[in-house]
Amino acid sequence: MHKPIPACPQCGLENTYSDGASYLCPDCAFEWPHAGVAAEDEPEAGAGIRDAHGTLLADGDAVLLIKDLKVKGSSTVIKKGTKIKSIRLVPGNGDHDVDCKTGQGSFMLKSVFLKKA
């Protein structure tokens, strides 16, 4: 069974065709490889933000800290075992990928220091 030819990612028109290892759009003359389309259609194995144990996290999840975290620029420490409710994921924002609020204030945390509750 053949995979349907996708619409052009450049102009969005469906008047595309396959030419060897590439797709071509005669309307806008855009050319893209078959491999690039297959990678976009299938989710990546490591897609999403995962906790310290590899569990996929989602917005609104509750998490626990797995170690004491010293707050940069402050003498405050968030203790191991602190439960944080209603996290918000912010992928692509450097290495801090979880936005949350605790009793001590709002913080950006790395997901490697969290486990899903």
N, C-alpha and C. Protein backbone atom coordinates (compact mmCIF):
# COMPACT_ATOMS: atom_id res chain seq x y z
N MET A 1 0.85 -1.18 0.00
CA MET A 1 0.00 0.00 0.00
C MET A 1 0.89 1.24 0.00
N HIS A 2 0.61 2.15 -0.90
CA HIS A 2 1.43 3.35 -1.03
C HIS A 2 0.96 4.44 -0.09
N LYS A 3 1.90 5.17 0.41
CA LYS A 3 1.61 6.31 1.28
C LYS A 3 1.13 7.46 0.39
N PRO A 4 0.06 8.16 0.75
CA PRO A 4 -0.41 9.27 -0.08
C PRO A 4 0.64 10.38 -0.16
N ILE A 5 0.65 11.05 -1.28
CA ILE A 5 1.60 12.15 -1.47
C ILE A 5 1.08 13.36 -0.69
N PRO A 6 1.92 13.94 0.17
CA PRO A 6 1.46 15.05 1.01
C PRO A 6 1.33 16.35 0.22
N ALA A 7 0.58 17.28 0.79
CA ALA A 7 0.47 18.62 0.22
C ALA A 7 1.80 19.34 0.39
N CYS A 8 2.02 20.34 -0.41
CA CYS A 8 3.27 21.11 -0.36
C CYS A 8 3.37 21.87 0.96
N PRO A 9 4.47 21.72 1.70
CA PRO A 9 4.62 22.45 2.95
C PRO A 9 4.87 23.95 2.73
N GLN A 10 5.26 24.33 1.53
CA GLN A 10 5.55 25.73 1.22
C GLN A 10 4.27 26.52 0.93
N CYS A 11 3.46 26.01 -0.03
CA CYS A 11 2.27 26.76 -0.45
C CYS A 11 0.96 26.11 0.00
N GLY A 12 1.01 24.84 0.43
CA GLY A 12 -0.18 24.16 0.92
C GLY A 12 -1.04 23.51 -0.15
N LEU A 13 -0.70 23.64 -1.42
CA LEU A 13 -1.49 23.05 -2.49
C LEU A 13 -1.19 21.56 -2.61
N GLU A 14 -2.17 20.81 -3.08
CA GLU A 14 -2.04 19.36 -3.15
C GLU A 14 -1.62 18.85 -4.53
N ASN A 15 -1.22 19.72 -5.43
CA ASN A 15 -0.80 19.35 -6.77
C ASN A 15 0.69 18.96 -6.77
N THR A 16 1.06 17.97 -5.92
CA THR A 16 2.45 17.56 -5.77
C THR A 16 2.66 16.18 -6.36
N TYR A 17 3.91 15.85 -6.64
CA TYR A 17 4.23 14.53 -7.17
C TYR A 17 5.60 14.09 -6.68
N SER A 18 5.82 12.77 -6.76
CA SER A 18 7.08 12.19 -6.32
C SER A 18 8.04 12.10 -7.49
N ASP A 19 9.30 12.48 -7.26
CA ASP A 19 10.33 12.40 -8.29
C ASP A 19 11.59 11.82 -7.65
N GLY A 20 11.76 10.50 -7.75
CA GLY A 20 12.92 9.85 -7.15
C GLY A 20 12.82 9.89 -5.63
N ALA A 21 13.79 10.52 -4.97
CA ALA A 21 13.82 10.59 -3.51
C ALA A 21 13.22 11.88 -2.98
N SER A 22 12.53 12.65 -3.84
CA SER A 22 11.98 13.94 -3.44
C SER A 22 10.53 14.08 -3.89
N TYR A 23 9.84 15.00 -3.24
CA TYR A 23 8.53 15.44 -3.68
C TYR A 23 8.72 16.80 -4.34
N LEU A 24 7.90 17.08 -5.34
CA LEU A 24 7.98 18.37 -6.04
C LEU A 24 6.60 19.00 -6.10
N CYS A 25 6.57 20.33 -6.03
CA CYS A 25 5.35 21.09 -6.19
C CYS A 25 5.48 21.92 -7.47
N PRO A 26 4.70 21.64 -8.49
CA PRO A 26 4.80 22.41 -9.73
C PRO A 26 4.26 23.84 -9.60
N ASP A 27 3.46 24.10 -8.59
CA ASP A 27 2.87 25.43 -8.43
C ASP A 27 3.86 26.46 -7.90
N CYS A 28 4.68 26.06 -6.89
CA CYS A 28 5.63 27.01 -6.32
C CYS A 28 7.08 26.57 -6.52
N ALA A 29 7.30 25.42 -7.17
CA ALA A 29 8.62 24.88 -7.48
C ALA A 29 9.40 24.49 -6.22
N PHE A 30 8.69 24.17 -5.14
CA PHE A 30 9.35 23.75 -3.92
C PHE A 30 9.65 22.26 -4.00
N GLU A 31 10.82 21.85 -3.50
CA GLU A 31 11.23 20.45 -3.51
C GLU A 31 11.67 20.07 -2.10
N TRP A 32 11.21 18.89 -1.61
CA TRP A 32 11.61 18.42 -0.30
C TRP A 32 11.78 16.90 -0.33
N PRO A 33 12.67 16.37 0.53
CA PRO A 33 12.97 14.93 0.50
C PRO A 33 11.86 14.08 1.12
N HIS A 34 11.73 12.84 0.64
CA HIS A 34 10.77 11.88 1.21
C HIS A 34 11.05 11.65 2.68
N ALA A 35 12.32 11.50 3.07
CA ALA A 35 12.69 11.20 4.46
C ALA A 35 12.21 12.28 5.41
N GLY A 36 12.25 13.55 5.01
CA GLY A 36 11.81 14.66 5.86
C GLY A 36 10.33 14.58 6.17
N VAL A 37 9.54 14.11 5.21
CA VAL A 37 8.10 14.00 5.42
C VAL A 37 7.79 12.85 6.37
N ALA A 38 8.49 11.73 6.22
CA ALA A 38 8.25 10.58 7.09
C ALA A 38 8.58 10.93 8.54
N ALA A 39 9.63 11.69 8.77
CA ALA A 39 10.02 12.07 10.13
C ALA A 39 8.99 13.00 10.74
N GLU A 40 8.33 13.84 9.93
CA GLU A 40 7.34 14.76 10.46
C GLU A 40 6.02 14.05 10.78
N ASP A 41 5.68 13.01 9.99
CA ASP A 41 4.42 12.31 10.18
C ASP A 41 4.42 11.45 11.43
N GLU A 42 5.56 10.88 11.80
CA GLU A 42 5.64 9.99 12.94
C GLU A 42 6.24 10.73 14.13
N PRO A 43 5.66 10.58 15.31
CA PRO A 43 6.23 11.25 16.48
C PRO A 43 7.58 10.65 16.84
N GLU A 44 8.46 11.47 17.35
CA GLU A 44 9.78 11.02 17.75
C GLU A 44 9.67 10.14 18.99
N ALA A 45 10.61 9.22 19.11
CA ALA A 45 10.60 8.32 20.27
C ALA A 45 10.77 9.10 21.56
N GLY A 46 11.57 10.17 21.55
CA GLY A 46 11.82 10.95 22.75
C GLY A 46 10.99 12.22 22.83
N ALA A 47 9.93 12.31 22.05
CA ALA A 47 9.12 13.53 22.00
C ALA A 47 8.44 13.78 23.35
N GLY A 48 8.33 15.03 23.71
CA GLY A 48 7.68 15.38 24.96
C GLY A 48 8.68 15.59 26.08
N ILE A 49 8.19 16.11 27.18
CA ILE A 49 9.03 16.35 28.34
C ILE A 49 8.81 15.22 29.33
N ARG A 50 9.90 14.62 29.79
CA ARG A 50 9.83 13.46 30.67
C ARG A 50 10.45 13.79 32.03
N ASP A 51 9.94 13.11 33.06
CA ASP A 51 10.48 13.32 34.40
C ASP A 51 11.77 12.52 34.59
N ALA A 52 12.29 12.49 35.80
CA ALA A 52 13.56 11.81 36.09
C ALA A 52 13.50 10.31 35.83
N HIS A 53 12.31 9.72 35.87
CA HIS A 53 12.15 8.29 35.67
C HIS A 53 11.69 7.95 34.26
N GLY A 54 11.58 8.95 33.37
CA GLY A 54 11.18 8.71 31.99
C GLY A 54 9.70 8.75 31.74
N THR A 55 8.90 9.11 32.72
CA THR A 55 7.45 9.21 32.55
C THR A 55 7.11 10.51 31.84
N LEU A 56 6.23 10.43 30.85
CA LEU A 56 5.84 11.61 30.08
C LEU A 56 5.01 12.54 30.96
N LEU A 57 5.36 13.82 30.96
CA LEU A 57 4.63 14.83 31.74
C LEU A 57 3.66 15.58 30.84
N ALA A 58 2.60 16.11 31.44
CA ALA A 58 1.61 16.91 30.71
C ALA A 58 1.24 18.12 31.55
N ASP A 59 0.69 19.15 30.91
CA ASP A 59 0.23 20.32 31.64
C ASP A 59 -0.81 19.90 32.67
N GLY A 60 -0.71 20.47 33.88
CA GLY A 60 -1.66 20.18 34.94
C GLY A 60 -1.28 19.02 35.84
N ASP A 61 -0.21 18.29 35.50
CA ASP A 61 0.23 17.17 36.34
C ASP A 61 0.74 17.67 37.68
N ALA A 62 0.70 16.77 38.66
CA ALA A 62 1.32 17.03 39.96
C ALA A 62 2.63 16.27 39.99
N VAL A 63 3.67 16.89 40.53
CA VAL A 63 5.00 16.27 40.57
C VAL A 63 5.61 16.43 41.96
N LEU A 64 6.64 15.62 42.23
CA LEU A 64 7.40 15.71 43.47
C LEU A 64 8.85 15.99 43.12
N LEU A 65 9.52 16.79 43.96
CA LEU A 65 10.95 17.02 43.78
C LEU A 65 11.72 15.81 44.28
N ILE A 66 12.77 15.43 43.54
CA ILE A 66 13.55 14.26 43.95
C ILE A 66 14.85 14.65 44.65
N LYS A 67 15.13 15.95 44.75
CA LYS A 67 16.29 16.41 45.52
C LYS A 67 16.08 17.85 45.95
N ASP A 68 16.81 18.28 46.97
CA ASP A 68 16.74 19.68 47.41
C ASP A 68 17.28 20.58 46.30
N LEU A 69 16.57 21.67 46.03
CA LEU A 69 17.02 22.61 45.00
C LEU A 69 17.23 23.98 45.62
N LYS A 70 18.44 24.50 45.48
CA LYS A 70 18.76 25.84 45.96
C LYS A 70 18.31 26.82 44.88
N VAL A 71 17.59 27.85 45.29
CA VAL A 71 17.10 28.86 44.36
C VAL A 71 18.22 29.83 44.06
N LYS A 72 18.52 29.97 42.78
CA LYS A 72 19.63 30.82 42.34
C LYS A 72 19.38 32.27 42.76
N GLY A 73 20.38 32.91 43.34
CA GLY A 73 20.27 34.30 43.77
C GLY A 73 19.52 34.50 45.07
N SER A 74 19.32 33.44 45.80
CA SER A 74 18.56 33.52 47.04
C SER A 74 19.08 32.47 48.01
N SER A 75 18.73 32.61 49.27
CA SER A 75 19.12 31.60 50.25
C SER A 75 18.02 30.55 50.41
N THR A 76 16.96 30.66 49.63
CA THR A 76 15.83 29.74 49.69
C THR A 76 16.20 28.38 49.13
N VAL A 77 15.70 27.33 49.77
CA VAL A 77 15.88 25.96 49.28
C VAL A 77 14.50 25.32 49.19
N ILE A 78 14.21 24.70 48.04
CA ILE A 78 12.97 23.93 47.89
C ILE A 78 13.34 22.49 48.25
N LYS A 79 12.68 21.94 49.26
CA LYS A 79 13.06 20.65 49.82
C LYS A 79 12.61 19.46 48.97
N LYS A 80 13.40 18.40 49.05
CA LYS A 80 13.08 17.12 48.41
C LYS A 80 11.73 16.64 48.92
N GLY A 81 10.89 16.10 48.02
CA GLY A 81 9.58 15.61 48.41
C GLY A 81 8.48 16.65 48.34
N THR A 82 8.83 17.91 48.03
CA THR A 82 7.82 18.95 47.90
C THR A 82 6.89 18.61 46.74
N LYS A 83 5.59 18.60 47.00
CA LYS A 83 4.61 18.31 45.94
C LYS A 83 4.23 19.62 45.25
N ILE A 84 4.31 19.59 43.95
CA ILE A 84 3.95 20.76 43.14
C ILE A 84 2.78 20.36 42.26
N LYS A 85 1.68 21.11 42.39
CA LYS A 85 0.46 20.81 41.64
C LYS A 85 0.35 21.72 40.42
N SER A 86 -0.33 21.24 39.42
CA SER A 86 -0.67 22.01 38.21
C SER A 86 0.56 22.65 37.55
N ILE A 87 1.47 21.81 37.10
CA ILE A 87 2.64 22.33 36.40
C ILE A 87 2.23 22.77 35.00
N ARG A 88 3.08 23.60 34.40
CA ARG A 88 2.88 24.04 33.02
C ARG A 88 4.18 23.77 32.28
N LEU A 89 4.09 23.03 31.16
CA LEU A 89 5.27 22.69 30.38
C LEU A 89 5.61 23.83 29.42
N VAL A 90 6.89 24.15 29.33
CA VAL A 90 7.36 25.21 28.43
C VAL A 90 8.55 24.69 27.63
N PRO A 91 8.30 23.81 26.63
CA PRO A 91 9.40 23.27 25.83
C PRO A 91 10.07 24.36 25.01
N GLY A 92 11.35 24.18 24.75
CA GLY A 92 12.09 25.13 23.94
C GLY A 92 12.52 26.37 24.68
N ASN A 93 12.40 26.38 25.99
CA ASN A 93 12.78 27.55 26.78
C ASN A 93 14.07 27.25 27.54
N GLY A 94 15.12 26.89 26.80
CA GLY A 94 16.39 26.56 27.44
C GLY A 94 16.29 25.20 28.10
N ASP A 95 17.00 25.03 29.22
CA ASP A 95 16.97 23.73 29.88
C ASP A 95 15.93 23.65 31.00
N HIS A 96 15.30 24.76 31.35
CA HIS A 96 14.25 24.76 32.35
C HIS A 96 12.91 24.61 31.61
N ASP A 97 12.28 23.44 31.74
CA ASP A 97 11.13 23.15 30.91
C ASP A 97 9.80 23.01 31.65
N VAL A 98 9.78 23.31 32.95
CA VAL A 98 8.55 23.24 33.73
C VAL A 98 8.37 24.55 34.49
N ASP A 99 7.20 25.16 34.35
CA ASP A 99 6.85 26.39 35.06
C ASP A 99 5.86 25.99 36.15
N CYS A 100 6.09 26.46 37.38
CA CYS A 100 5.21 26.06 38.48
C CYS A 100 5.18 27.12 39.57
N LYS A 101 4.21 26.93 40.48
CA LYS A 101 4.10 27.79 41.65
C LYS A 101 4.15 26.92 42.88
N THR A 102 4.92 27.36 43.87
CA THR A 102 4.98 26.67 45.15
C THR A 102 4.61 27.69 46.23
N GLY A 103 4.63 27.26 47.46
CA GLY A 103 4.37 28.18 48.57
C GLY A 103 5.45 29.25 48.68
N GLN A 104 6.60 29.01 48.07
CA GLN A 104 7.72 29.94 48.14
C GLN A 104 7.79 30.87 46.93
N GLY A 105 6.89 30.70 45.95
CA GLY A 105 6.87 31.57 44.78
C GLY A 105 6.79 30.79 43.48
N SER A 106 6.93 31.50 42.36
CA SER A 106 6.90 30.88 41.03
C SER A 106 8.31 30.53 40.60
N PHE A 107 8.45 29.36 39.98
CA PHE A 107 9.78 28.90 39.57
C PHE A 107 9.74 28.23 38.21
N MET A 108 10.89 28.23 37.55
CA MET A 108 11.13 27.44 36.35
C MET A 108 12.06 26.32 36.80
N LEU A 109 11.66 25.07 36.57
CA LEU A 109 12.44 23.92 37.02
C LEU A 109 12.83 23.02 35.85
N LYS A 110 13.89 22.24 36.06
CA LYS A 110 14.29 21.23 35.10
C LYS A 110 13.51 19.96 35.41
N SER A 111 13.01 19.31 34.38
CA SER A 111 12.21 18.11 34.59
C SER A 111 13.01 16.94 35.14
N VAL A 112 14.33 16.97 35.04
CA VAL A 112 15.16 15.88 35.56
C VAL A 112 15.15 15.84 37.09
N PHE A 113 14.67 16.88 37.76
CA PHE A 113 14.59 16.91 39.21
C PHE A 113 13.18 16.63 39.72
N LEU A 114 12.30 16.17 38.83
CA LEU A 114 10.91 15.93 39.18
C LEU A 114 10.52 14.48 38.91
N LYS A 115 9.51 14.00 39.65
CA LYS A 115 8.89 12.73 39.31
C LYS A 115 7.39 12.93 39.41
N LYS A 116 6.67 12.27 38.51
CA LYS A 116 5.22 12.41 38.47
C LYS A 116 4.62 11.81 39.73
N ALA A 117 3.69 12.55 40.34
CA ALA A 117 3.05 12.10 41.59
C ALA A 117 1.88 11.17 41.32
